Protein backbone atom coordinates (compact mmCIF):
# COMPACT_ATOMS: atom_id res chain seq x y z
CA MET A 1 -78.99 11.23 -212.33
CA ALA A 2 -82.28 10.19 -214.33
CA LYS A 3 -84.37 10.85 -211.18
CA LYS A 4 -82.85 14.44 -210.83
CA LEU A 5 -83.77 14.94 -214.02
CA LEU A 6 -87.13 14.25 -213.81
CA SER A 7 -87.82 16.08 -210.93
CA VAL A 8 -86.36 19.13 -212.89
CA ILE A 9 -88.58 18.35 -215.68
CA ILE A 10 -91.83 18.12 -213.29
CA ILE A 11 -90.93 21.34 -211.47
CA ILE A 12 -90.26 23.34 -214.76
CA TYR A 13 -93.69 21.89 -216.01
CA LEU A 14 -95.69 23.12 -212.84
CA LEU A 15 -93.93 26.35 -212.90
CA PHE A 16 -94.34 27.28 -216.61
CA CYS A 17 -97.14 25.27 -218.23
CA THR A 18 -99.84 25.80 -215.46
CA ASN A 19 -101.78 28.59 -214.44
CA PRO A 20 -103.20 28.16 -210.90
CA LEU A 21 -105.40 31.28 -210.89
CA LYS A 22 -107.77 29.69 -213.41
CA ALA A 23 -108.58 26.64 -211.69
CA GLU A 24 -108.89 28.72 -208.43
CA LYS A 25 -111.78 30.85 -209.84
CA LEU A 26 -113.63 27.72 -211.10
CA ASP A 27 -115.32 30.54 -213.61
CA VAL A 28 -117.17 28.06 -215.43
CA ILE A 29 -118.93 26.43 -212.58
CA GLU A 30 -119.93 29.65 -210.88
CA ARG A 31 -121.31 30.97 -214.33
CA VAL A 32 -123.36 27.62 -214.69
CA LYS A 33 -124.28 28.09 -210.83
CA ASP A 34 -125.55 31.76 -211.10
CA GLU A 35 -127.17 31.07 -214.92
CA TYR A 36 -129.25 28.31 -213.34
CA GLY A 37 -129.65 29.04 -209.92
CA ILE A 38 -128.53 25.48 -208.91
CA LYS A 39 -126.34 24.45 -205.70
CA GLY A 40 -126.90 20.77 -205.66
CA GLU A 41 -130.03 20.91 -203.69
CA GLY A 42 -131.96 17.66 -203.41
CA VAL A 43 -129.10 15.72 -204.79
CA SER A 44 -127.20 13.24 -202.45
CA ILE A 45 -123.29 12.24 -202.81
CA ALA A 46 -121.67 9.40 -200.77
CA ILE A 47 -117.82 10.34 -200.39
CA LEU A 48 -115.97 6.85 -199.85
CA ASP A 49 -112.49 7.88 -198.99
CA THR A 50 -110.76 8.64 -195.64
CA GLY A 51 -113.39 10.03 -193.67
CA ILE A 52 -113.95 13.64 -192.53
CA SER A 53 -111.88 15.78 -190.12
CA GLU A 54 -113.43 16.35 -186.78
CA ASN A 55 -113.11 20.17 -187.13
CA VAL A 56 -115.95 20.03 -190.11
CA THR A 57 -118.88 20.87 -189.34
CA GLY A 58 -121.94 21.16 -192.23
CA LEU A 59 -125.80 20.63 -191.84
CA ASN A 60 -125.28 19.33 -195.32
CA ILE A 61 -123.50 15.91 -193.68
CA LYS A 62 -126.47 13.72 -193.33
CA SER A 63 -124.75 10.39 -192.08
CA LYS A 64 -121.31 9.24 -191.36
CA LYS A 65 -120.11 5.65 -190.96
CA ASN A 66 -116.63 3.85 -190.65
CA PHE A 67 -116.02 0.89 -192.37
CA THR A 68 -112.11 0.11 -191.35
CA LYS A 69 -110.36 -1.00 -188.06
CA SER A 70 -110.16 2.56 -187.43
CA SER A 71 -111.88 3.65 -184.31
CA SER A 72 -114.04 6.68 -185.78
CA VAL A 73 -115.00 8.20 -188.93
CA ILE A 74 -112.36 11.15 -188.27
CA ASP A 75 -110.11 11.67 -191.27
CA LEU A 76 -106.34 11.26 -190.19
CA SER A 77 -105.05 12.15 -193.53
CA GLY A 78 -106.90 14.95 -194.85
CA HIS A 79 -107.70 13.04 -198.33
CA GLY A 80 -111.61 12.47 -197.35
CA THR A 81 -111.78 16.26 -195.96
CA PHE A 82 -110.26 17.75 -199.12
CA MET A 83 -112.83 15.73 -201.21
CA TYR A 84 -115.58 17.11 -198.85
CA SER A 85 -114.26 20.81 -199.14
CA LEU A 86 -114.80 20.66 -202.72
CA ILE A 87 -117.86 19.28 -203.28
CA GLY A 88 -120.19 20.40 -200.25
CA SER A 89 -118.12 23.10 -198.20
CA ASP A 90 -120.00 26.92 -198.44
CA LYS A 91 -116.58 28.61 -199.56
CA TYR A 92 -115.21 26.09 -202.31
CA GLY A 93 -118.00 23.33 -202.66
CA ILE A 94 -119.29 23.12 -206.10
CA ALA A 95 -122.66 21.78 -204.88
CA PRO A 96 -122.69 22.95 -201.46
CA GLU A 97 -126.36 22.28 -201.04
CA ALA A 98 -125.99 18.74 -201.98
CA ASP A 99 -126.71 16.04 -198.87
CA ILE A 100 -123.45 14.61 -198.40
CA PHE A 101 -122.75 10.92 -196.82
CA ILE A 102 -119.37 10.23 -195.41
CA GLY A 103 -118.30 6.88 -195.56
CA LYS A 104 -114.68 5.55 -194.38
CA VAL A 105 -113.18 2.98 -196.41
CA LEU A 106 -109.25 4.11 -196.41
CA GLU A 107 -107.04 4.30 -193.35
CA ARG A 108 -104.60 6.91 -192.39
CA ALA A 109 -102.34 6.24 -195.19
CA GLY A 110 -104.84 6.26 -197.77
CA GLN A 111 -104.69 2.46 -197.81
CA GLY A 112 -107.76 0.50 -197.68
CA LYS A 113 -109.27 -3.10 -198.82
CA TYR A 114 -111.83 -3.79 -201.19
CA GLU A 115 -114.27 -5.62 -198.73
CA ASP A 116 -114.30 -2.29 -197.11
CA ILE A 117 -114.98 -0.13 -200.14
CA ILE A 118 -117.73 -2.83 -201.15
CA LYS A 119 -119.40 -2.61 -197.62
CA GLY A 120 -119.41 1.52 -198.31
CA ILE A 121 -120.91 1.21 -201.46
CA GLU A 122 -123.73 -1.15 -200.15
CA TRP A 123 -124.31 1.42 -197.26
CA ALA A 124 -124.61 4.25 -199.93
CA ALA A 125 -127.12 2.09 -201.93
CA ASN A 126 -129.04 1.38 -198.72
CA LYS A 127 -129.35 5.05 -198.35
CA GLU A 128 -130.50 5.57 -201.73
CA VAL A 129 -128.01 8.16 -202.82
CA ASP A 130 -127.78 9.62 -206.28
CA ILE A 131 -123.97 9.75 -206.37
CA ILE A 132 -120.92 7.73 -205.24
CA LEU A 133 -117.69 9.25 -205.12
CA MET A 134 -114.64 7.06 -204.91
CA SER A 135 -111.70 8.83 -205.37
CA LEU A 136 -109.45 5.89 -204.83
CA GLY A 137 -108.31 3.05 -206.62
CA GLY A 138 -106.55 -0.54 -206.83
CA ARG A 139 -104.46 -2.42 -209.49
CA GLU A 140 -106.20 -5.59 -208.80
CA LYS A 141 -109.51 -6.66 -210.53
CA SER A 142 -112.07 -7.82 -207.85
CA GLU A 143 -115.04 -9.61 -208.82
CA LYS A 144 -117.10 -8.93 -205.67
CA LEU A 145 -116.29 -5.10 -205.98
CA LYS A 146 -117.74 -5.64 -209.45
CA LYS A 147 -120.74 -7.32 -208.20
CA ALA A 148 -121.39 -4.51 -205.49
CA ILE A 149 -120.88 -1.39 -208.26
CA GLU A 150 -123.01 -3.54 -210.54
CA LYS A 151 -125.66 -3.60 -208.05
CA ALA A 152 -125.70 -0.02 -207.06
CA TYR A 153 -125.60 0.82 -211.02
CA ASN A 154 -128.86 -1.22 -211.87
CA ASN A 155 -130.38 0.70 -208.87
CA ASP A 156 -129.63 3.89 -211.21
CA ILE A 157 -126.80 5.14 -208.58
CA ILE A 158 -124.04 7.18 -210.77
CA LEU A 159 -120.70 5.88 -209.99
CA ILE A 160 -117.44 8.08 -209.82
CA SER A 161 -113.80 7.07 -209.29
CA ALA A 162 -110.37 8.40 -210.18
CA VAL A 163 -108.44 6.86 -213.04
CA GLY A 164 -105.08 7.12 -210.84
CA ASN A 165 -102.07 9.05 -210.84
CA ASP A 166 -99.47 6.69 -212.40
CA GLY A 167 -99.54 8.45 -215.79
CA ILE A 168 -95.67 8.71 -215.72
CA SER A 169 -95.84 4.96 -217.15
CA GLU A 170 -96.52 4.68 -220.72
CA ARG A 171 -98.43 1.65 -220.28
CA ASP A 172 -102.11 1.27 -219.46
CA SER A 173 -102.23 2.09 -215.67
CA ILE A 174 -106.14 2.80 -215.27
CA ARG A 175 -107.23 1.55 -211.50
CA TYR A 176 -110.05 -0.24 -210.31
CA PRO A 177 -113.19 0.75 -209.91
CA ALA A 178 -112.60 3.20 -212.74
CA LYS A 179 -112.01 0.58 -215.20
CA PHE A 180 -115.27 -0.91 -214.73
CA LYS A 181 -117.80 -0.04 -217.34
CA GLN A 182 -120.59 1.12 -215.04
CA VAL A 183 -118.13 3.70 -213.36
CA ILE A 184 -117.24 7.09 -214.52
CA GLY A 185 -113.73 7.01 -214.74
CA VAL A 186 -112.28 10.49 -214.36
CA GLY A 187 -108.48 11.59 -215.31
CA ALA A 188 -107.06 15.30 -214.57
CA VAL A 189 -106.11 17.81 -217.01
CA ASP A 190 -104.13 21.43 -216.05
CA ASN A 191 -105.18 24.79 -216.58
CA ASN A 192 -104.20 24.54 -220.30
CA ASN A 193 -106.30 21.56 -220.70
CA GLN A 194 -103.22 19.27 -221.24
CA ARG A 195 -103.57 15.79 -219.46
CA LEU A 196 -101.93 16.53 -215.78
CA PHE A 197 -98.58 14.78 -216.20
CA ASN A 198 -99.42 11.90 -213.54
CA SER A 199 -103.14 11.47 -214.86
CA SER A 200 -103.04 7.89 -215.80
CA ARG A 201 -103.24 6.63 -219.08
CA GLY A 202 -105.18 3.78 -220.57
CA ASN A 203 -108.34 2.66 -222.30
CA LYS A 204 -111.15 3.54 -219.80
CA ILE A 205 -111.15 7.07 -219.46
CA ASP A 206 -114.44 8.02 -219.72
CA ILE A 207 -113.73 12.28 -219.04
CA MET A 208 -110.98 14.28 -218.12
CA ALA A 209 -111.62 17.29 -215.81
CA PRO A 210 -110.03 20.10 -213.91
CA GLY A 211 -107.69 18.44 -211.43
CA HIS A 212 -104.66 20.90 -210.85
CA ASP A 213 -104.25 23.37 -207.71
CA LEU A 214 -107.82 23.27 -206.93
CA THR A 215 -108.51 24.67 -203.22
CA GLY A 216 -110.13 23.33 -200.31
CA TYR A 217 -109.74 22.63 -196.64
CA SER A 218 -106.92 20.64 -194.74
CA LEU A 219 -107.76 18.69 -191.63
CA ASN A 220 -107.71 21.88 -189.41
CA ASN A 221 -109.86 23.80 -191.80
CA GLU A 222 -106.63 25.47 -193.40
CA THR A 223 -106.83 26.68 -196.98
CA ILE A 224 -104.79 24.50 -199.20
CA ARG A 225 -104.57 23.41 -203.10
CA GLN A 226 -104.40 19.94 -204.25
CA SER A 227 -103.89 18.26 -207.44
CA GLY A 228 -104.68 14.58 -209.00
CA THR A 229 -107.34 12.75 -210.31
CA SER A 230 -109.23 12.30 -207.01
CA VAL A 231 -109.64 16.25 -207.43
CA ALA A 232 -110.67 15.71 -210.79
CA ALA A 233 -112.95 13.01 -209.55
CA ALA A 234 -114.52 15.21 -207.05
CA TYR A 235 -115.01 17.99 -209.36
CA VAL A 236 -117.29 15.75 -211.63
CA ALA A 237 -119.04 14.44 -208.83
CA GLY A 238 -120.18 18.06 -207.49
CA PHE A 239 -120.95 19.32 -211.21
CA ILE A 240 -123.09 16.06 -211.81
CA ALA A 241 -124.92 17.02 -208.56
CA LEU A 242 -125.55 20.37 -210.02
CA MET A 243 -126.76 18.76 -213.44
CA LYS A 244 -128.75 16.09 -211.28
CA GLU A 245 -130.56 19.27 -209.75
CA TYR A 246 -131.35 20.99 -213.01
CA VAL A 247 -132.36 18.33 -215.33
CA GLY A 248 -134.42 16.23 -212.80
CA ASP A 249 -135.47 12.64 -213.00
CA ARG A 250 -132.38 11.03 -215.54
CA SER A 251 -130.91 7.74 -215.40
CA ALA A 252 -127.10 7.38 -214.68
CA GLU A 253 -126.71 5.97 -218.20
CA GLU A 254 -128.42 9.23 -219.54
CA ILE A 255 -125.91 11.71 -217.09
CA LYS A 256 -122.97 9.53 -218.19
CA LYS A 257 -123.71 9.79 -221.82
CA SER A 258 -124.54 13.62 -221.69
CA ILE A 259 -121.24 14.27 -220.33
CA ILE A 260 -119.42 12.03 -222.89
CA GLU A 261 -121.32 13.22 -225.60
CA THR A 262 -120.76 16.77 -224.91
CA ALA A 263 -117.01 16.47 -224.00
CA LYS A 264 -114.13 18.02 -226.02
CA THR A 265 -112.54 15.26 -227.92
CA LYS A 266 -108.92 14.53 -228.20
CA SER A 267 -107.38 12.66 -231.02
CA ASP A 268 -105.10 10.75 -228.57
CA LYS A 269 -107.94 8.76 -226.65
CA PHE A 270 -105.07 6.88 -224.63
CA ASN A 271 -104.30 9.83 -222.87
CA TYR A 272 -107.41 11.80 -222.99
CA GLY A 273 -110.20 9.07 -223.27
CA ASN A 274 -113.56 10.56 -224.55
CA GLY A 275 -112.27 14.03 -223.73
CA ILE A 276 -112.51 16.84 -221.55
CA LEU A 277 -115.35 18.01 -219.53
CA GLN A 278 -117.76 20.97 -221.18
CA GLU A 279 -119.75 21.84 -218.01
CA GLU A 280 -122.12 24.49 -220.17
CA LYS A 281 -122.89 22.09 -223.12
CA ALA A 282 -123.29 19.31 -220.60
CA ILE A 283 -125.97 21.01 -218.53
CA THR A 284 -127.82 22.14 -221.47
CA TYR A 285 -127.44 18.59 -223.38
CA PHE A 286 -131.31 17.52 -222.20
CA ASP A 287 -132.66 20.90 -223.25
CA LYS A 288 -131.50 20.63 -226.82
CA ASN A 289 -132.93 17.07 -226.66
CA ASN A 290 -136.16 18.21 -225.12
CA HIS A 291 -136.60 21.03 -227.71
CA LEU A 292 -136.25 18.44 -230.52
CA LEU A 293 -138.85 16.01 -229.04
CA PHE A 294 -140.98 19.22 -228.89
CA TYR A 295 -140.47 20.28 -232.39
CA ILE A 296 -141.03 16.50 -233.55
CA THR A 297 -144.56 16.29 -231.49
CA ILE A 298 -145.96 19.58 -233.03
CA ALA A 299 -144.53 18.49 -236.25
CA PHE A 300 -146.72 15.00 -235.82
CA VAL A 301 -149.69 16.62 -234.32
CA MET A 302 -149.84 18.90 -237.38
CA LEU A 303 -149.52 16.30 -239.92
CA VAL A 304 -152.49 14.08 -238.12
CA ILE A 305 -154.66 17.14 -238.33
CA THR A 306 -153.65 18.12 -241.60
CA THR A 307 -154.64 14.27 -242.90
CA LEU A 308 -157.93 14.29 -240.85
CA THR A 309 -158.89 17.65 -242.53
CA ILE A 310 -158.07 16.45 -245.90
CA LYS A 311 -160.26 13.36 -245.19
CA LYS A 312 -163.00 15.30 -243.77
CA TYR A 313 -162.80 17.61 -247.16
CA LYS A 314 -162.84 14.59 -249.02
CA ILE A 315 -165.77 13.14 -247.50
CA LYS A 316 -168.05 16.11 -248.32
CA LYS A 317 -167.17 16.22 -251.94
CA LEU A 318 -168.43 12.63 -252.14
């Protein structure tokens, strides 16, 4: 009886509390791309997931490698293919001109081992990618995984991971690697900027992002929609690729700081962490700081000139 009631509540939520058209249009992202002329060019992203469909072709896929016991990098579940389509496809990709590296670290059912994820991280780091996306997670902490992440982070690689889809539980259910401080842990909101009902809650949510009914490709290149924190994490990875193109040589720490400081905060940090991603504010974060530095520099130069002029004037009078 309780399970039936829960199912009814979820169906009502999806029907009446969300508006799929808002996410479909991705108006904010398109506005940012048009206004600043950015599509992720010159930025590289490693997608560590279930691989890529054999039906997907793209000049932006620079390298593919399998780290599992499977015979190839071919995606058998569709999860990795959908993540790629959200970021790099011509039609639905947030950053269609970013260079994509596909690392297969999960098997058909989306199951995997930390050791394969570690190999994927090390491979991506050796390729000197800018961003590593991990729309995956485990409950157990791994020191070896932590060390691999720390090493990549120290090489100035931006690491992004989904926090998990265990939000029906009221306990802290944030998964690893999102729980590591070097990783940007991403939760999902619906089209009304409310926490997606199954987005994990906890004390290590760095940012919330759109994660409901986003559109991408299936294994057979059919258009489908998916929801969840994996989708939200891919959204953030694509957006940060746009940021990297626009702001240039900024560190992983600076990028993380910019999206957190410009986020729309919520009083409920256990459900929303630092708040909801504000794309237009984040993209101009460094512009404002650069302008402030410019004015400070001008003021300092004027002060020096004024001081030297006064000293020169006094010397003449003596």
